[in-house]
């Protein structure tokens, strides 16, 4: 039996729902392992994955008999087939955060549902807690990312452009068992590093530069995320107090990341420490990582979440001085009962290339 679908059925029963239509491909992959276009329909009696002929083989390869998932080709289905799934059902759940109003009306018409009910992100909330297999895949993605950073330290040279370094990252991942980039890599040197989400440019690396590199990869669907701020030839005095402040808070936060801790509490500690030194924390302290690069929980001073064992999150304080420079240090971290487990393990103390 598919334990994730079993959990979902129990949850739906508790919410007085007769079934659910799952449209978000990430949630479908989470529940079934299927990485393709289609719809997963949870009815009273069965689990049905509906796709078209292009993805039938992919779906059949992903599931086993124990999953108890019926795979159907949408091209062979009639309107009556869809209508029968929820006949005599009162309430059926749907993903209101993913379905547009237009698609909502289509679902109502196609399945002849009496009442489509918002499910308030039950799958996204469940995905916050990773199982052993998920954590293993994230660890592998992090290992590949650490290896890539080691390669970058040996390969980045003065005269290279930010775009060339970003391309090196992509090439490394594709040649070393990663599916793809977790997101478009950020390579920001000199004054460009003051932009938290800078895009690589044709700016060439120079002696004395500060370079922020934010990157990650995907391994079997699961993401890694790491940022290192490095220096070329030497560290300018102007960079040192800012770097030291960010690193201090990043390492202190690592001690706070454990089961049962309120996210807003340690986020506020970092924000206050930055303010005491005259700096603002202009983005959150981190985010969940899994099948998406940004998942729940959000780590910031407004978050109402408590950390729970086997969440995987980032720890990424940063300071940005407009038009001058910025520093960010980020790791992917697994929450444990009494501590945290750092999954990206590259060095952080004044990395000079």
Protein backbone atom coordinates (compact mmCIF):
# COMPACT_ATOMS: atom_id res chain seq x y z
CA UNK A 1 0.00 0.00 0.00
CA UNK A 2 1.17 3.52 -0.81
CA UNK A 3 1.61 5.01 2.69
CA UNK A 4 1.45 8.62 1.54
CA UNK A 5 -1.88 8.06 -0.18
CA UNK A 6 -3.07 6.10 2.86
CA UNK A 7 -2.23 9.13 5.02
CA UNK A 8 -4.08 11.43 2.60
CA UNK A 9 -7.20 9.24 2.65
CA UNK A 10 -7.25 9.34 6.44
CA UNK A 11 -6.84 13.11 6.36
CA UNK A 12 -9.66 13.55 3.85
CA UNK A 13 -11.93 11.35 5.95
CA UNK A 14 -11.23 13.55 8.96
CA UNK A 15 -12.19 16.60 6.91
CA UNK A 16 -15.47 14.99 5.79
CA UNK A 17 -14.30 14.89 2.16
CA UNK A 18 -15.33 12.07 -0.18
CA UNK A 19 -12.21 12.40 -2.32
CA UNK A 20 -9.78 14.83 -3.86
CA UNK A 21 -8.61 16.02 -7.27
CA UNK A 22 -4.86 16.70 -7.28
CA UNK A 23 -3.61 18.89 -10.09
CA UNK A 24 -0.23 20.16 -8.83
CA UNK A 25 2.44 17.99 -10.52
CA UNK A 26 4.79 18.40 -7.55
CA UNK A 27 2.18 17.01 -5.17
CA UNK A 28 1.44 14.19 -7.59
CA UNK A 29 5.13 13.32 -7.70
CA UNK A 30 5.25 13.42 -3.90
CA UNK A 31 2.35 10.97 -3.59
CA UNK A 32 3.09 8.65 -6.51
CA UNK A 33 6.62 9.17 -7.82
CA UNK A 34 5.16 10.03 -11.24
CA UNK A 35 6.94 12.94 -12.90
CA UNK A 36 4.65 13.79 -15.80
CA UNK A 37 1.62 15.81 -16.81
CA UNK A 38 -1.65 14.44 -15.49
CA UNK A 39 -4.27 14.46 -12.74
CA UNK A 40 -4.49 12.25 -9.67
CA UNK A 41 -8.03 11.47 -8.56
CA UNK A 42 -8.62 10.02 -5.09
CA UNK A 43 -12.11 8.52 -4.98
CA UNK A 44 -13.90 6.55 -2.28
CA UNK A 45 -12.72 3.23 -3.71
CA UNK A 46 -9.65 3.82 -5.86
CA UNK A 47 -6.72 6.01 -6.83
CA UNK A 48 -6.69 6.99 -10.50
CA UNK A 49 -3.94 8.76 -12.42
CA UNK A 50 -5.24 10.23 -15.67
CA UNK A 51 -2.78 11.28 -18.35
CA UNK A 52 -2.42 11.06 -22.11
CA UNK A 53 -0.54 8.63 -24.30
CA UNK A 54 2.74 10.55 -24.09
CA UNK A 55 3.12 9.81 -20.39
CA UNK A 56 1.51 6.39 -19.92
CA UNK A 57 4.84 4.54 -20.00
CA UNK A 58 6.49 7.02 -17.63
CA UNK A 59 3.63 6.61 -15.16
CA UNK A 60 3.62 2.82 -15.39
CA UNK A 61 7.35 2.73 -14.73
CA UNK A 62 7.03 4.95 -11.64
CA UNK A 63 4.36 2.97 -9.78
CA UNK A 64 4.20 -0.59 -8.48
CA UNK A 65 1.33 -2.97 -7.78
CA UNK A 66 1.62 -2.09 -4.10
CA UNK A 67 0.87 1.58 -4.88
CA UNK A 68 -2.65 0.57 -5.94
CA UNK A 69 -2.86 3.33 -8.56
CA UNK A 70 -4.89 2.80 -11.72
CA UNK A 71 -3.32 4.55 -14.73
CA UNK A 72 -5.71 5.64 -17.47
CA UNK A 73 -5.24 7.23 -20.89
CA UNK A 74 -7.43 10.34 -21.13
CA UNK A 75 -7.89 9.74 -24.88
CA UNK A 76 -9.94 6.61 -24.21
CA UNK A 77 -12.17 8.13 -21.52
CA UNK A 78 -15.72 9.39 -21.95
CA UNK A 79 -17.54 12.15 -20.10
CA UNK A 80 -19.42 9.44 -18.22
CA UNK A 81 -16.15 8.02 -16.87
CA UNK A 82 -15.31 11.33 -15.21
CA UNK A 83 -18.83 11.80 -13.86
CA UNK A 84 -18.85 8.38 -12.19
CA UNK A 85 -15.85 9.04 -9.96
CA UNK A 86 -17.75 11.20 -7.49
CA UNK A 87 -21.34 10.13 -8.08
CA UNK A 88 -23.39 10.51 -4.87
CA UNK A 89 -20.46 12.35 -3.25
CA UNK A 90 -21.22 15.55 -1.38
CA UNK A 91 -17.79 17.16 -0.85
CA UNK A 92 -14.60 16.75 -2.91
CA UNK A 93 -11.34 18.50 -2.15
CA UNK A 94 -9.21 20.45 -4.61
CA UNK A 95 -5.99 22.49 -4.53
CA UNK A 96 -7.20 26.07 -4.39
CA UNK A 97 -3.66 27.47 -4.42
CA UNK A 98 -2.90 25.78 -7.72
CA UNK A 99 -6.21 25.70 -9.62
CA UNK A 100 -7.32 28.84 -11.49
CA UNK A 101 -10.95 29.90 -11.45
CA UNK A 102 -11.25 28.78 -15.06
CA UNK A 103 -9.97 25.31 -14.20
CA UNK A 104 -12.18 25.24 -11.11
CA UNK A 105 -15.23 25.60 -13.35
CA UNK A 106 -13.89 22.90 -15.66
CA UNK A 107 -13.49 20.49 -12.75
CA UNK A 108 -17.03 21.18 -11.56
CA UNK A 109 -18.39 20.53 -15.04
CA UNK A 110 -16.21 17.53 -15.91
CA UNK A 111 -16.71 15.58 -12.68
CA UNK A 112 -20.24 16.81 -11.94
CA UNK A 113 -19.28 17.61 -8.36
CA UNK A 114 -21.80 19.04 -5.89
CA UNK A 115 -19.26 20.94 -3.82
CA UNK A 116 -15.55 21.49 -4.43
CA UNK A 117 -13.89 22.22 -1.09
CA UNK A 118 -10.61 24.04 -0.47
CA UNK A 119 -8.06 21.77 1.20
CA UNK A 120 -5.91 24.59 2.61
CA UNK A 121 -2.54 23.21 1.56
CA UNK A 122 -2.75 19.86 3.35
CA UNK A 123 -0.22 18.30 0.99
CA UNK A 124 2.20 21.23 1.17
CA UNK A 125 2.00 21.09 4.96
CA UNK A 126 2.61 17.35 4.99
CA UNK A 127 5.58 17.74 2.65
CA UNK A 128 7.38 19.85 5.28
CA UNK A 129 8.29 16.64 7.14
CA UNK A 130 10.64 14.51 5.04
CA UNK A 131 10.87 10.74 5.21
CA UNK A 132 14.11 8.76 5.10
CA UNK A 133 14.11 8.38 1.31
CA UNK A 134 13.49 12.08 0.74
CA UNK A 135 16.29 13.09 3.11
CA UNK A 136 18.65 10.67 1.39
CA UNK A 137 17.99 12.34 -1.96
CA UNK A 138 18.43 15.83 -0.53
CA UNK A 139 21.72 14.73 1.04
CA UNK A 140 22.92 13.50 -2.35
CA UNK A 141 21.97 16.81 -3.98
CA UNK A 142 23.89 18.63 -1.23
CA UNK A 143 26.92 16.39 -1.69
CA UNK A 144 27.01 17.17 -5.41
CA UNK A 145 26.72 20.89 -4.58
CA UNK A 146 29.62 20.72 -2.12
CA UNK A 147 31.73 18.95 -4.73
CA UNK A 148 30.82 21.62 -7.27
CA UNK A 149 31.98 24.35 -4.91
CA UNK A 150 35.29 22.59 -4.39
CA UNK A 151 35.65 22.50 -8.17
CA UNK A 152 34.81 26.22 -8.44
CA UNK A 153 37.47 27.19 -5.93
CA UNK A 154 40.07 25.51 -8.11
CA UNK A 155 38.69 26.78 -11.41
CA UNK A 156 37.56 30.41 -10.99
CA UNK A 157 40.22 32.77 -12.34
CA UNK A 158 40.59 36.52 -12.65
CA UNK A 159 39.29 37.70 -15.99
CA UNK A 160 36.38 35.26 -16.05
CA UNK A 161 32.91 36.76 -16.23
CA UNK A 162 30.01 36.05 -13.88
CA UNK A 163 28.20 34.38 -16.79
CA UNK A 164 31.14 32.05 -17.41
CA UNK A 165 31.16 30.95 -13.76
CA UNK A 166 27.39 30.35 -13.85
CA UNK A 167 27.86 28.22 -16.96
CA UNK A 168 30.61 26.24 -15.21
CA UNK A 169 28.16 25.45 -12.39
CA UNK A 170 25.50 24.23 -14.80
CA UNK A 171 27.98 22.11 -16.75
CA UNK A 172 29.38 20.55 -13.59
CA UNK A 173 25.96 19.52 -12.34
CA UNK A 174 24.90 18.00 -15.65
CA UNK A 175 28.11 15.96 -15.81
CA UNK A 176 27.85 14.77 -12.20
CA UNK A 177 24.51 12.98 -11.84
CA UNK A 178 22.31 15.99 -11.13
CA UNK A 179 19.04 16.29 -13.05
CA UNK A 180 19.36 20.03 -13.48
CA UNK A 181 19.97 23.30 -11.69
CA UNK A 182 17.77 23.82 -8.64
CA UNK A 183 17.35 27.43 -9.84
CA UNK A 184 19.25 29.90 -12.00
CA UNK A 185 22.60 30.27 -10.27
CA UNK A 186 23.45 33.65 -8.76
CA UNK A 187 27.03 34.77 -9.38
CA UNK A 188 27.44 38.37 -8.22
CA UNK A 189 30.84 40.05 -7.95
CA UNK A 190 31.93 43.43 -6.57
CA UNK A 191 29.10 45.95 -6.46
CA UNK A 192 26.72 43.41 -8.03
CA UNK A 193 26.81 41.41 -4.79
CA UNK A 194 24.64 44.10 -3.16
CA UNK A 195 21.69 42.65 -5.13
CA UNK A 196 20.22 39.62 -3.31
CA UNK A 197 18.87 38.12 -6.54
CA UNK A 198 21.44 39.40 -9.00
CA UNK A 199 21.65 37.82 -12.44
CA UNK A 200 25.10 36.93 -13.80
CA UNK A 201 26.55 39.62 -16.06
CA UNK A 202 29.59 40.12 -18.27
CA UNK A 203 31.45 41.76 -15.39
CA UNK A 204 34.94 40.25 -15.14
CA UNK A 205 36.42 38.98 -11.89
CA UNK A 206 39.19 41.22 -10.53
CA UNK A 207 41.74 41.05 -7.72
CA UNK A 208 40.18 42.15 -4.42
CA UNK A 209 36.66 41.24 -5.54
CA UNK A 210 33.99 39.83 -3.29
CA UNK A 211 31.84 37.20 -5.05
CA UNK A 212 28.51 35.81 -3.84
CA UNK A 213 27.60 32.44 -5.37
CA UNK A 214 24.13 31.03 -4.66
CA UNK A 215 23.48 27.71 -6.36
CA UNK A 216 22.07 24.21 -6.03
CA UNK A 217 21.05 21.14 -7.99
CA UNK A 218 18.23 18.61 -8.27
CA UNK A 219 18.80 14.92 -7.58
CA UNK A 220 15.88 12.55 -8.29
CA UNK A 221 13.48 15.45 -7.84
CA UNK A 222 14.95 16.86 -4.62
CA UNK A 223 16.81 20.15 -4.29
CA UNK A 224 19.87 21.57 -2.60
CA UNK A 225 20.61 25.22 -1.87
CA UNK A 226 23.89 26.78 -0.77
CA UNK A 227 25.48 30.24 -0.83
CA UNK A 228 29.10 31.11 -0.25
CA UNK A 229 30.67 34.56 -0.34
CA UNK A 230 34.30 34.33 -1.42
CA UNK A 231 37.21 36.69 -2.05
CA UNK A 232 39.78 37.06 -4.82
CA UNK A 233 43.46 37.21 -3.71
CA UNK A 234 42.72 38.99 -0.41
CA UNK A 235 39.93 40.33 1.81
CA UNK A 236 39.41 44.09 1.86
CA UNK A 237 39.05 45.57 5.34
CA UNK A 238 35.62 46.98 4.48
CA UNK A 239 34.27 43.45 3.95
CA UNK A 240 35.49 41.88 7.19
CA UNK A 241 33.07 43.29 9.81
CA UNK A 242 30.06 42.56 7.61
CA UNK A 243 31.23 39.06 6.77
CA UNK A 244 32.00 38.34 10.43
CA UNK A 245 28.53 39.56 11.49
CA UNK A 246 26.73 37.40 8.91
CA UNK A 247 28.82 34.33 9.73
CA UNK A 248 28.30 34.78 13.47
CA UNK A 249 24.54 34.89 13.03
CA UNK A 250 24.51 32.01 10.57
CA UNK A 251 26.41 29.80 13.02
CA UNK A 252 24.34 30.95 15.99
CA UNK A 253 21.13 30.19 14.11
CA UNK A 254 22.46 26.71 13.36
CA UNK A 255 22.41 26.08 17.14
CA UNK A 256 18.78 27.24 17.37
CA UNK A 257 17.51 25.01 14.57
CA UNK A 258 15.92 22.06 16.38
CA UNK A 259 12.59 20.40 16.99
CA UNK A 260 10.02 22.48 18.84
CA UNK A 261 11.59 25.91 18.36
CA UNK A 262 9.46 28.84 17.17
CA UNK A 263 10.82 30.17 13.88
CA UNK A 264 9.93 33.79 14.62
CA UNK A 265 12.01 33.67 17.81
CA UNK A 266 15.43 33.01 16.27
CA UNK A 267 14.59 35.08 13.19
CA UNK A 268 13.98 38.05 15.48
CA UNK A 269 17.33 37.50 17.21
CA UNK A 270 19.16 37.81 13.89
CA UNK A 271 17.14 40.84 12.82
CA UNK A 272 17.87 42.59 16.12
CA UNK A 273 21.59 41.84 15.97
CA UNK A 274 21.78 43.28 12.46
CA UNK A 275 19.90 46.41 13.55
CA UNK A 276 22.26 46.96 16.47
CA UNK A 277 25.09 47.16 13.94
CA UNK A 278 23.12 49.45 11.60
CA UNK A 279 21.97 46.90 9.04
CA UNK A 280 18.57 45.64 7.91
CA UNK A 281 17.60 42.02 7.25
CA UNK A 282 15.87 42.63 3.94
CA UNK A 283 14.89 39.02 3.24
CA UNK A 284 13.84 36.07 5.37
CA UNK A 285 16.25 33.85 7.21
CA UNK A 286 15.42 30.80 5.12
CA UNK A 287 12.82 28.48 3.64
CA UNK A 288 11.91 24.83 3.33
CA UNK A 289 13.61 22.70 0.66
CA UNK A 290 12.37 19.53 -1.01
CA UNK A 291 10.63 18.78 -4.30
CA UNK A 292 10.52 22.57 -4.71
CA UNK A 293 13.44 24.87 -4.02
CA UNK A 294 11.13 27.08 -1.93
CA UNK A 295 8.69 25.17 0.26
CA UNK A 296 7.08 25.58 3.64
CA UNK A 297 8.05 26.55 6.24
CA UNK A 298 9.10 30.14 5.65
CA UNK A 299 11.77 31.29 8.11
CA UNK A 300 11.16 34.92 9.02
CA UNK A 301 9.98 37.11 11.89
CA UNK A 302 6.32 36.73 10.88
CA UNK A 303 6.29 32.94 10.63
CA UNK A 304 3.87 31.08 12.90
CA UNK A 305 5.51 27.70 12.28
CA UNK A 306 7.39 25.64 14.83
CA UNK A 307 10.35 23.61 13.64
CA UNK A 308 9.74 19.87 13.59
CA UNK A 309 12.07 16.92 13.34
CA UNK A 310 12.99 16.01 9.73
CA UNK A 311 12.06 19.34 8.24
CA UNK A 312 14.73 20.45 5.77
CA UNK A 313 15.30 24.20 5.62
CA UNK A 314 17.90 26.76 4.61
CA UNK A 315 19.78 29.03 6.98
CA UNK A 316 20.77 32.11 4.98
CA UNK A 317 21.28 35.45 6.73
CA UNK A 318 22.53 38.24 4.49
CA UNK A 319 23.50 41.91 4.57
CA UNK A 320 23.39 44.09 1.46
CA UNK A 321 24.80 47.61 1.13
CA UNK A 322 23.23 49.19 -1.98
CA UNK A 323 25.70 50.02 -4.75
CA UNK A 324 28.62 48.70 -2.71
CA UNK A 325 28.62 44.99 -1.78
CA UNK A 326 26.70 42.22 -0.06
CA UNK A 327 27.37 39.09 1.98
CA UNK A 328 25.19 35.98 2.23
CA UNK A 329 26.07 32.60 3.72
CA UNK A 330 23.61 29.75 3.28
CA UNK A 331 23.36 26.06 4.10
CA UNK A 332 20.73 23.39 3.68
CA UNK A 333 19.92 21.95 7.11
CA UNK A 334 17.98 18.97 8.47
CA UNK A 335 16.09 19.55 11.72
CA UNK A 336 16.75 16.92 14.38
CA UNK A 337 15.28 16.33 17.82
CA UNK A 338 17.90 18.19 19.83
CA UNK A 339 20.05 19.85 17.17
CA UNK A 340 20.42 20.43 13.45
CA UNK A 341 22.32 18.50 10.82
CA UNK A 342 24.12 20.60 8.24
CA UNK A 343 23.70 18.96 4.82
CA UNK A 344 25.90 21.36 2.82
CA UNK A 345 29.33 21.28 4.40
CA UNK A 346 31.64 23.55 2.43
CA UNK A 347 33.90 25.82 4.47
CA UNK A 348 32.80 29.33 5.44
CA UNK A 349 35.80 31.08 7.03
CA UNK A 350 37.27 33.66 4.63
CA UNK A 351 37.44 31.60 1.46
CA UNK A 352 40.12 33.21 -0.69
CA UNK A 353 40.78 32.06 -4.25
